[in-house]
């Protein structure tokens, strides 16, 4: 296969099959049509467009030929159904198919000769395909479940019963699309659950930082007996599954009257987050120049003063990443909240969502609750992701 035209053909076939599967899923979910991949036609058009991308330097001519191949090879049925069924959707699908085949394949075979390939050229073509496939595959497995959850949450009960696999949007309902969300806040008290989860998560972050910052600093900077053992054993708590600790925690909290209280959650949540915060922060503190802290000590600052005025300001990226990570853990925690909370007025969001998993509650309400639980943390992560990445990598290299 170390010939340019063979590699272009094989890569074109594999890429075409990838794109047609993704487009078929999108078409089925967005329109409810009984679409299906046409495997032989998809493989044939992929091989042909791969060769077009390799042989033709002109983008416009290559794109036009690609569209002609898509329509001609599929005999005007590119998605396995008659073109008259939702022609607009199929037309958009054909447009995306032509663009999604030609331009990525052109990038994959760019610079490759038609004839014999060197080992570097062959591996480069394979890596380009795998990179594109990875982007498409991992994007799909993230987006498709969330799309199904979101579309189910805006469907009516009758539409779900008629066709549970139809995830198209019923635009004619207008603002009625969000009826499930309105009912969750008015009838199921989801506003209270959101507030409780936010307060518990913020409090968990504060308590975790209160204990993990001095602990991580001590392990990273101070010299004491057992320092190496402590440094290496910080994450040992994660070797014990939480389900094993569930019964002892339940019994202990029941004996001390801490069940069914948010204070009890604030006692146990930091226990699960402090070890990982210690582990993350100690690595960052070790990467900070010790000379700066020594200069602060020589200027008369106490050790706590050095931490407060020098170390913490320099550690803001790490603190931000640790805070975000701890917030996500506390926000998404379910097992302890499910085990310890019985009073609906004290439910966290994850505990409240489980109340919707009942035959008496419409399925779209459960999906709406899942969207409400997922969306805030998703927005928060996307907005602060650069700080998290910076904090996780800032202490990895000294100097």
Protein backbone atom coordinates (compact mmCIF):
# COMPACT_ATOMS: atom_id res chain seq x y z
CA UNK A 1 0.00 0.00 0.00
CA UNK A 2 3.04 2.26 -0.11
CA UNK A 3 1.85 3.88 -3.31
CA UNK A 4 0.28 7.31 -3.19
CA UNK A 5 -2.82 6.37 -5.15
CA UNK A 6 -3.42 3.25 -3.03
CA UNK A 7 -3.06 5.14 0.24
CA UNK A 8 -5.38 7.90 -1.02
CA UNK A 9 -7.99 5.31 -2.01
CA UNK A 10 -7.88 3.42 1.29
CA UNK A 11 -7.90 6.57 3.39
CA UNK A 12 -10.76 7.88 1.24
CA UNK A 13 -12.81 4.73 1.84
CA UNK A 14 -12.27 4.80 5.61
CA UNK A 15 -12.99 8.52 5.85
CA UNK A 16 -16.11 8.24 3.72
CA UNK A 17 -17.50 5.47 5.94
CA UNK A 18 -16.77 7.60 9.01
CA UNK A 19 -18.52 10.67 7.61
CA UNK A 20 -21.56 8.80 6.27
CA UNK A 21 -22.14 7.12 9.65
CA UNK A 22 -21.97 10.49 11.43
CA UNK A 23 -24.24 12.17 8.90
CA UNK A 24 -26.74 9.32 9.04
CA UNK A 25 -26.96 9.62 12.81
CA UNK A 26 -27.40 13.38 12.58
CA UNK A 27 -30.08 13.04 9.88
CA UNK A 28 -31.97 10.37 11.82
CA UNK A 29 -31.89 12.36 15.05
CA UNK A 30 -32.73 15.73 13.54
CA UNK A 31 -35.45 14.70 11.07
CA UNK A 32 -36.78 11.32 12.21
CA UNK A 33 -36.32 9.91 8.69
CA UNK A 34 -35.45 6.19 8.32
CA UNK A 35 -32.05 6.96 6.81
CA UNK A 36 -29.26 4.39 6.58
CA UNK A 37 -25.69 4.31 5.27
CA UNK A 38 -25.23 3.03 1.73
CA UNK A 39 -21.99 1.16 2.42
CA UNK A 40 -20.84 0.21 -1.08
CA UNK A 41 -21.63 3.62 -2.54
CA UNK A 42 -19.92 5.34 0.39
CA UNK A 43 -16.76 3.27 -0.03
CA UNK A 44 -16.74 3.87 -3.80
CA UNK A 45 -17.21 7.63 -3.50
CA UNK A 46 -14.53 7.81 -0.78
CA UNK A 47 -11.96 6.05 -2.97
CA UNK A 48 -12.84 8.25 -5.94
CA UNK A 49 -12.72 11.53 -4.02
CA UNK A 50 -9.43 10.47 -2.39
CA UNK A 51 -7.92 10.09 -5.86
CA UNK A 52 -9.42 13.43 -6.95
CA UNK A 53 -7.85 15.15 -3.95
CA UNK A 54 -4.49 13.55 -4.78
CA UNK A 55 -4.42 14.17 -8.52
CA UNK A 56 -6.17 17.54 -8.96
CA UNK A 57 -4.40 20.64 -7.61
CA UNK A 58 -7.40 22.92 -8.29
CA UNK A 59 -9.68 23.16 -5.26
CA UNK A 60 -12.72 24.43 -7.14
CA UNK A 61 -12.53 21.75 -9.83
CA UNK A 62 -11.87 19.06 -7.26
CA UNK A 63 -14.84 20.18 -5.15
CA UNK A 64 -17.19 20.21 -8.15
CA UNK A 65 -16.08 16.74 -9.19
CA UNK A 66 -16.55 15.55 -5.60
CA UNK A 67 -20.16 16.77 -5.54
CA UNK A 68 -20.79 15.11 -8.90
CA UNK A 69 -19.36 11.85 -7.57
CA UNK A 70 -21.48 12.02 -4.39
CA UNK A 71 -24.69 12.49 -6.40
CA UNK A 72 -23.79 10.17 -9.26
CA UNK A 73 -22.50 7.21 -7.28
CA UNK A 74 -25.43 7.32 -4.86
CA UNK A 75 -27.95 7.55 -7.73
CA UNK A 76 -29.72 10.49 -6.08
CA UNK A 77 -30.29 8.49 -2.87
CA UNK A 78 -27.22 9.33 -0.76
CA UNK A 79 -28.93 8.36 2.51
CA UNK A 80 -30.84 5.28 1.40
CA UNK A 81 -34.23 6.99 1.00
CA UNK A 82 -36.02 8.70 -1.87
CA UNK A 83 -34.86 12.26 -2.50
CA UNK A 84 -38.46 13.47 -2.21
CA UNK A 85 -38.50 12.71 1.52
CA UNK A 86 -37.49 15.96 3.21
CA UNK A 87 -35.53 17.24 0.22
CA UNK A 88 -34.17 20.24 2.15
CA UNK A 89 -32.58 18.09 4.84
CA UNK A 90 -31.11 15.72 2.26
CA UNK A 91 -29.81 18.62 0.20
CA UNK A 92 -28.04 20.05 3.24
CA UNK A 93 -26.74 16.56 4.00
CA UNK A 94 -25.30 16.18 0.50
CA UNK A 95 -23.64 19.59 0.78
CA UNK A 96 -22.05 18.66 4.11
CA UNK A 97 -21.07 15.25 2.72
CA UNK A 98 -19.27 16.74 -0.28
CA UNK A 99 -17.45 19.33 1.83
CA UNK A 100 -16.72 16.83 4.58
CA UNK A 101 -15.16 14.40 2.15
CA UNK A 102 -13.17 16.59 -0.20
CA UNK A 103 -11.45 19.13 2.08
CA UNK A 104 -10.36 16.70 4.84
CA UNK A 105 -9.13 14.18 2.25
CA UNK A 106 -7.25 16.93 0.45
CA UNK A 107 -5.52 17.79 3.75
CA UNK A 108 -4.74 14.13 4.42
CA UNK A 109 -3.05 13.51 1.05
CA UNK A 110 -1.46 16.95 0.71
CA UNK A 111 2.15 16.73 -0.38
CA UNK A 112 2.04 13.01 -1.06
CA UNK A 113 3.33 11.75 -4.42
CA UNK A 114 1.16 9.66 -6.71
CA UNK A 115 3.78 6.91 -6.93
CA UNK A 116 5.92 5.18 -4.33
CA UNK A 117 5.94 6.65 -0.83
CA UNK A 118 8.79 6.84 1.59
CA UNK A 119 8.20 5.43 5.06
CA UNK A 120 7.86 8.97 6.45
CA UNK A 121 5.28 9.95 3.82
CA UNK A 122 3.29 6.76 4.38
CA UNK A 123 3.21 7.21 8.15
CA UNK A 124 2.36 10.88 7.77
CA UNK A 125 -0.71 10.03 5.67
CA UNK A 126 -1.85 7.43 8.21
CA UNK A 127 -1.35 9.85 11.12
CA UNK A 128 -3.36 12.56 9.34
CA UNK A 129 -6.26 10.15 8.87
CA UNK A 130 -6.12 8.91 12.46
CA UNK A 131 -6.04 12.49 13.72
CA UNK A 132 -9.15 13.41 11.75
CA UNK A 133 -10.89 10.19 12.77
CA UNK A 134 -10.05 10.84 16.41
CA UNK A 135 -11.54 14.33 16.30
CA UNK A 136 -14.75 13.06 14.71
CA UNK A 137 -15.08 9.97 16.90
CA UNK A 138 -14.48 11.60 20.27
CA UNK A 139 -16.60 14.62 19.35
CA UNK A 140 -19.46 12.32 18.39
CA UNK A 141 -19.38 10.23 21.58
CA UNK A 142 -19.52 13.44 23.63
CA UNK A 143 -22.12 15.35 21.63
CA UNK A 144 -24.57 12.56 20.68
CA UNK A 145 -25.58 11.57 24.26
CA UNK A 146 -25.97 15.22 25.26
CA UNK A 147 -28.01 15.93 22.11
CA UNK A 148 -30.31 12.98 22.83
CA UNK A 149 -30.74 14.14 26.42
CA UNK A 150 -31.47 17.72 25.35
CA UNK A 151 -33.93 16.78 22.59
CA UNK A 152 -35.77 14.31 24.81
CA UNK A 153 -36.21 17.04 27.42
CA UNK A 154 -38.12 19.26 24.96
CA UNK A 155 -40.30 16.54 23.45
CA UNK A 156 -43.95 16.08 24.35
CA UNK A 157 -45.21 12.89 25.95
CA UNK A 158 -47.28 11.98 22.89
CA UNK A 159 -44.33 12.45 20.51
CA UNK A 160 -42.13 10.25 22.69
CA UNK A 161 -44.72 7.49 22.73
CA UNK A 162 -45.27 7.63 18.96
CA UNK A 163 -41.56 7.51 18.06
CA UNK A 164 -39.01 7.34 20.91
CA UNK A 165 -36.14 7.56 18.40
CA UNK A 166 -37.33 10.81 16.79
CA UNK A 167 -35.15 13.54 18.26
CA UNK A 168 -36.19 16.31 15.88
CA UNK A 169 -37.27 19.69 17.27
CA UNK A 170 -40.97 20.53 17.23
CA UNK A 171 -40.56 24.20 16.34
CA UNK A 172 -44.32 24.73 16.11
CA UNK A 173 -44.57 24.44 19.91
CA UNK A 174 -42.71 27.73 20.40
CA UNK A 175 -41.92 28.44 24.05
CA UNK A 176 -43.86 25.29 24.89
CA UNK A 177 -40.65 23.42 24.09
CA UNK A 178 -39.41 24.37 27.54
CA UNK A 179 -42.49 23.21 29.40
CA UNK A 180 -40.55 20.45 31.18
CA UNK A 181 -38.01 22.95 32.53
CA UNK A 182 -40.76 25.28 33.75
CA UNK A 183 -42.50 22.44 35.57
CA UNK A 184 -39.25 21.33 37.19
CA UNK A 185 -38.74 24.72 38.81
CA UNK A 186 -42.40 25.32 39.71
CA UNK A 187 -43.44 21.82 40.79
CA UNK A 188 -40.24 19.94 41.64
CA UNK A 189 -38.29 22.71 43.44
CA UNK A 190 -35.22 22.52 41.24
CA UNK A 191 -34.33 26.11 42.12
CA UNK A 192 -33.76 24.97 45.70
CA UNK A 193 -31.66 22.01 44.54
CA UNK A 194 -29.49 24.30 42.40
CA UNK A 195 -28.92 26.70 45.29
CA UNK A 196 -28.08 23.90 47.71
CA UNK A 197 -25.62 22.26 45.30
CA UNK A 198 -23.93 25.59 44.62
CA UNK A 199 -23.55 26.44 48.31
CA UNK A 200 -22.31 22.97 49.22
CA UNK A 201 -19.82 22.95 46.33
CA UNK A 202 -18.45 26.41 47.18
CA UNK A 203 -18.15 25.50 50.87
CA UNK A 204 -16.35 22.27 49.92
CA UNK A 205 -13.87 24.26 47.84
CA UNK A 206 -13.18 26.68 50.73
CA UNK A 207 -12.72 23.92 53.31
CA UNK A 208 -10.53 21.92 50.94
CA UNK A 209 -8.25 24.88 50.24
CA UNK A 210 -8.11 25.77 53.94
CA UNK A 211 -6.57 22.41 54.77
CA UNK A 212 -4.79 21.47 51.54
CA UNK A 213 -2.78 24.67 51.04
CA UNK A 214 -0.83 24.51 54.34
CA UNK A 215 -0.63 20.70 54.08
CA UNK A 216 0.78 20.78 50.55
CA UNK A 217 3.17 23.57 51.48
CA UNK A 218 4.45 21.58 54.46
CA UNK A 219 5.05 18.48 52.35
CA UNK A 220 6.74 20.48 49.58
CA UNK A 221 8.87 22.90 51.60
CA UNK A 222 9.38 21.79 55.20
CA UNK A 223 11.65 19.00 56.39
CA UNK A 224 10.25 16.62 59.01
CA UNK A 225 10.30 12.94 59.89
CA UNK A 226 8.04 10.89 57.63
CA UNK A 227 7.82 13.58 54.95
CA UNK A 228 8.59 11.18 52.09
CA UNK A 229 6.07 8.63 53.34
CA UNK A 230 3.38 11.28 53.67
CA UNK A 231 4.12 12.68 50.23
CA UNK A 232 3.77 9.26 48.61
CA UNK A 233 0.73 8.12 50.59
CA UNK A 234 -1.50 11.15 50.05
CA UNK A 235 -3.66 9.41 47.46
CA UNK A 236 -3.94 6.09 49.34
CA UNK A 237 -7.52 6.98 50.29
CA UNK A 238 -8.49 6.53 46.63
CA UNK A 239 -7.39 2.89 46.76
CA UNK A 240 -10.48 2.15 48.88
CA UNK A 241 -13.71 2.33 46.80
CA UNK A 242 -16.31 4.70 48.21
CA UNK A 243 -18.94 1.96 48.08
CA UNK A 244 -16.90 0.04 50.67
CA UNK A 245 -16.95 3.04 53.01
CA UNK A 246 -20.66 3.73 52.44
CA UNK A 247 -21.98 1.49 55.24
CA UNK A 248 -19.50 2.66 57.94
CA UNK A 249 -20.21 6.31 57.00
CA UNK A 250 -23.97 5.70 57.13
CA UNK A 251 -23.76 4.01 60.55
CA UNK A 252 -21.42 6.61 61.99
CA UNK A 253 -23.44 9.57 60.75
CA UNK A 254 -26.65 7.97 62.06
CA UNK A 255 -25.12 7.49 65.53
CA UNK A 256 -23.98 11.11 65.75
CA UNK A 257 -27.16 12.60 64.26
CA UNK A 258 -25.41 13.90 61.13
CA UNK A 259 -27.64 12.17 58.62
CA UNK A 260 -30.05 14.30 56.66
CA UNK A 261 -28.01 17.46 57.23
CA UNK A 262 -25.90 19.59 54.93
CA UNK A 263 -23.35 19.93 57.72
CA UNK A 264 -22.80 16.20 57.46
CA UNK A 265 -22.09 16.53 53.74
CA UNK A 266 -19.62 19.34 54.44
CA UNK A 267 -17.81 17.03 56.83
CA UNK A 268 -17.44 14.15 54.40
CA UNK A 269 -17.02 15.90 51.03
CA UNK A 270 -13.66 17.52 51.90
CA UNK A 271 -12.39 14.10 53.02
CA UNK A 272 -12.73 12.95 49.42
CA UNK A 273 -11.27 16.13 47.87
CA UNK A 274 -8.42 17.13 50.19
CA UNK A 275 -6.09 14.26 49.13
CA UNK A 276 -6.27 15.10 45.42
CA UNK A 277 -5.90 18.83 46.20
CA UNK A 278 -2.84 18.07 48.34
CA UNK A 279 -1.34 16.00 45.54
CA UNK A 280 -1.92 18.69 42.91
CA UNK A 281 -0.69 21.60 45.02
CA UNK A 282 2.45 19.99 46.40
CA UNK A 283 3.76 19.43 42.89
CA UNK A 284 3.14 23.08 42.05
CA UNK A 285 4.74 24.38 45.26
CA UNK A 286 7.86 22.34 44.57
CA UNK A 287 8.17 24.10 41.22
CA UNK A 288 8.20 27.60 42.75
CA UNK A 289 11.65 29.17 43.25
CA UNK A 290 12.63 28.71 46.89
CA UNK A 291 14.84 31.81 46.77
CA UNK A 292 11.79 34.09 46.66
CA UNK A 293 10.43 32.63 49.90
CA UNK A 294 13.86 32.77 51.54
CA UNK A 295 14.06 36.47 50.66
CA UNK A 296 10.68 36.99 52.34
CA UNK A 297 11.89 35.23 55.50
CA UNK A 298 15.03 37.39 55.56
CA UNK A 299 12.83 40.49 55.29
CA UNK A 300 11.10 39.52 58.52
CA UNK A 301 8.04 37.67 57.32
CA UNK A 302 6.84 34.67 59.26
CA UNK A 303 6.29 31.36 57.50
CA UNK A 304 2.53 32.05 57.37
CA UNK A 305 3.29 35.53 56.03
CA UNK A 306 5.43 34.04 53.28
CA UNK A 307 2.61 31.68 52.33
CA UNK A 308 0.00 34.46 52.34
CA UNK A 309 1.98 37.24 50.64
CA UNK A 310 4.31 35.33 48.32
CA UNK A 311 3.36 31.71 47.73
CA UNK A 312 -0.40 32.09 47.28
CA UNK A 313 -0.22 35.02 44.79
CA UNK A 314 2.28 33.02 42.72
CA UNK A 315 0.03 29.95 42.93
CA UNK A 316 -3.19 31.48 41.62
CA UNK A 317 -3.26 29.31 38.45
CA UNK A 318 -2.87 26.15 40.55
CA UNK A 319 -5.44 27.32 43.08
CA UNK A 320 -7.89 28.08 40.29
CA UNK A 321 -7.47 24.63 38.72
CA UNK A 322 -7.76 22.87 42.09
CA UNK A 323 -10.85 24.91 42.99
CA UNK A 324 -12.53 24.08 39.69
CA UNK A 325 -11.71 20.39 40.02
CA UNK A 326 -12.98 20.22 43.62
CA UNK A 327 -16.13 22.16 42.66
CA UNK A 328 -16.84 19.65 39.89
CA UNK A 329 -16.37 16.71 42.27
CA UNK A 330 -18.74 18.20 44.87
CA UNK A 331 -21.31 19.26 42.25
CA UNK A 332 -21.47 15.81 40.61
CA UNK A 333 -21.26 13.72 43.80
CA UNK A 334 -24.21 11.35 44.09
CA UNK A 335 -23.55 8.34 46.33
CA UNK A 336 -23.07 10.18 49.63
CA UNK A 337 -25.92 12.61 48.94
CA UNK A 338 -28.23 9.73 48.05
CA UNK A 339 -27.22 7.82 51.18
CA UNK A 340 -27.32 10.65 53.73
CA UNK A 341 -30.16 12.94 52.59
CA UNK A 342 -33.85 12.10 52.97
CA UNK A 343 -35.45 15.53 53.35
CA UNK A 344 -36.35 17.00 49.89
CA UNK A 345 -35.78 20.52 51.23
CA UNK A 346 -32.07 19.65 51.68
CA UNK A 347 -31.49 17.72 48.46
CA UNK A 348 -28.54 18.55 46.26
CA UNK A 349 -29.09 18.63 42.52
CA UNK A 350 -27.88 15.09 41.84
CA UNK A 351 -30.10 13.80 44.65
CA UNK A 352 -33.05 15.73 43.26
CA UNK A 353 -32.59 14.27 39.77
CA UNK A 354 -33.03 10.75 41.15
CA UNK A 355 -36.50 11.75 42.37
CA UNK A 356 -37.49 12.09 38.72
CA UNK A 357 -36.52 8.50 37.89
CA UNK A 358 -40.02 7.23 38.54
CA UNK A 359 -42.83 5.80 36.48
CA UNK A 360 -45.02 8.63 37.75
CA UNK A 361 -42.76 11.32 36.28
CA UNK A 362 -42.58 11.79 32.46
CA UNK A 363 -39.27 10.78 30.91
CA UNK A 364 -38.71 14.25 29.47
CA UNK A 365 -38.67 15.69 33.01
CA UNK A 366 -35.82 13.35 33.93
CA UNK A 367 -33.87 14.43 30.85
CA UNK A 368 -34.55 18.10 31.62
CA UNK A 369 -33.23 17.55 35.14
CA UNK A 370 -30.09 15.94 33.73
CA UNK A 371 -29.57 18.93 31.41
CA UNK A 372 -29.97 21.34 34.33
CA UNK A 373 -27.42 19.35 36.33
CA UNK A 374 -24.94 19.17 33.44
CA UNK A 375 -25.15 22.59 31.81
CA UNK A 376 -23.84 24.83 34.66
CA UNK A 377 -20.74 22.74 35.28
CA UNK A 378 -20.15 22.42 31.52
CA UNK A 379 -20.30 26.21 31.06
CA UNK A 380 -18.06 26.71 34.09
CA UNK A 381 -15.49 24.24 32.82
CA UNK A 382 -15.42 25.67 29.28
CA UNK A 383 -15.11 29.20 30.65
CA UNK A 384 -12.27 28.39 33.06
CA UNK A 385 -10.60 25.56 31.15
CA UNK A 386 -7.58 27.68 30.26
CA UNK A 387 -6.93 28.37 33.95
CA UNK A 388 -7.23 24.68 34.78
CA UNK A 389 -4.81 23.69 32.03
CA UNK A 390 -2.35 26.38 33.06
CA UNK A 391 -2.54 25.35 36.69
CA UNK A 392 -2.05 21.67 35.97
CA UNK A 393 1.04 22.26 33.83
CA UNK A 394 2.65 25.31 35.46
CA UNK A 395 4.55 23.34 38.10
CA UNK A 396 5.74 20.58 35.80
CA UNK A 397 9.03 22.27 34.80
CA UNK A 398 11.39 24.13 37.09
CA UNK A 399 13.29 27.25 36.16
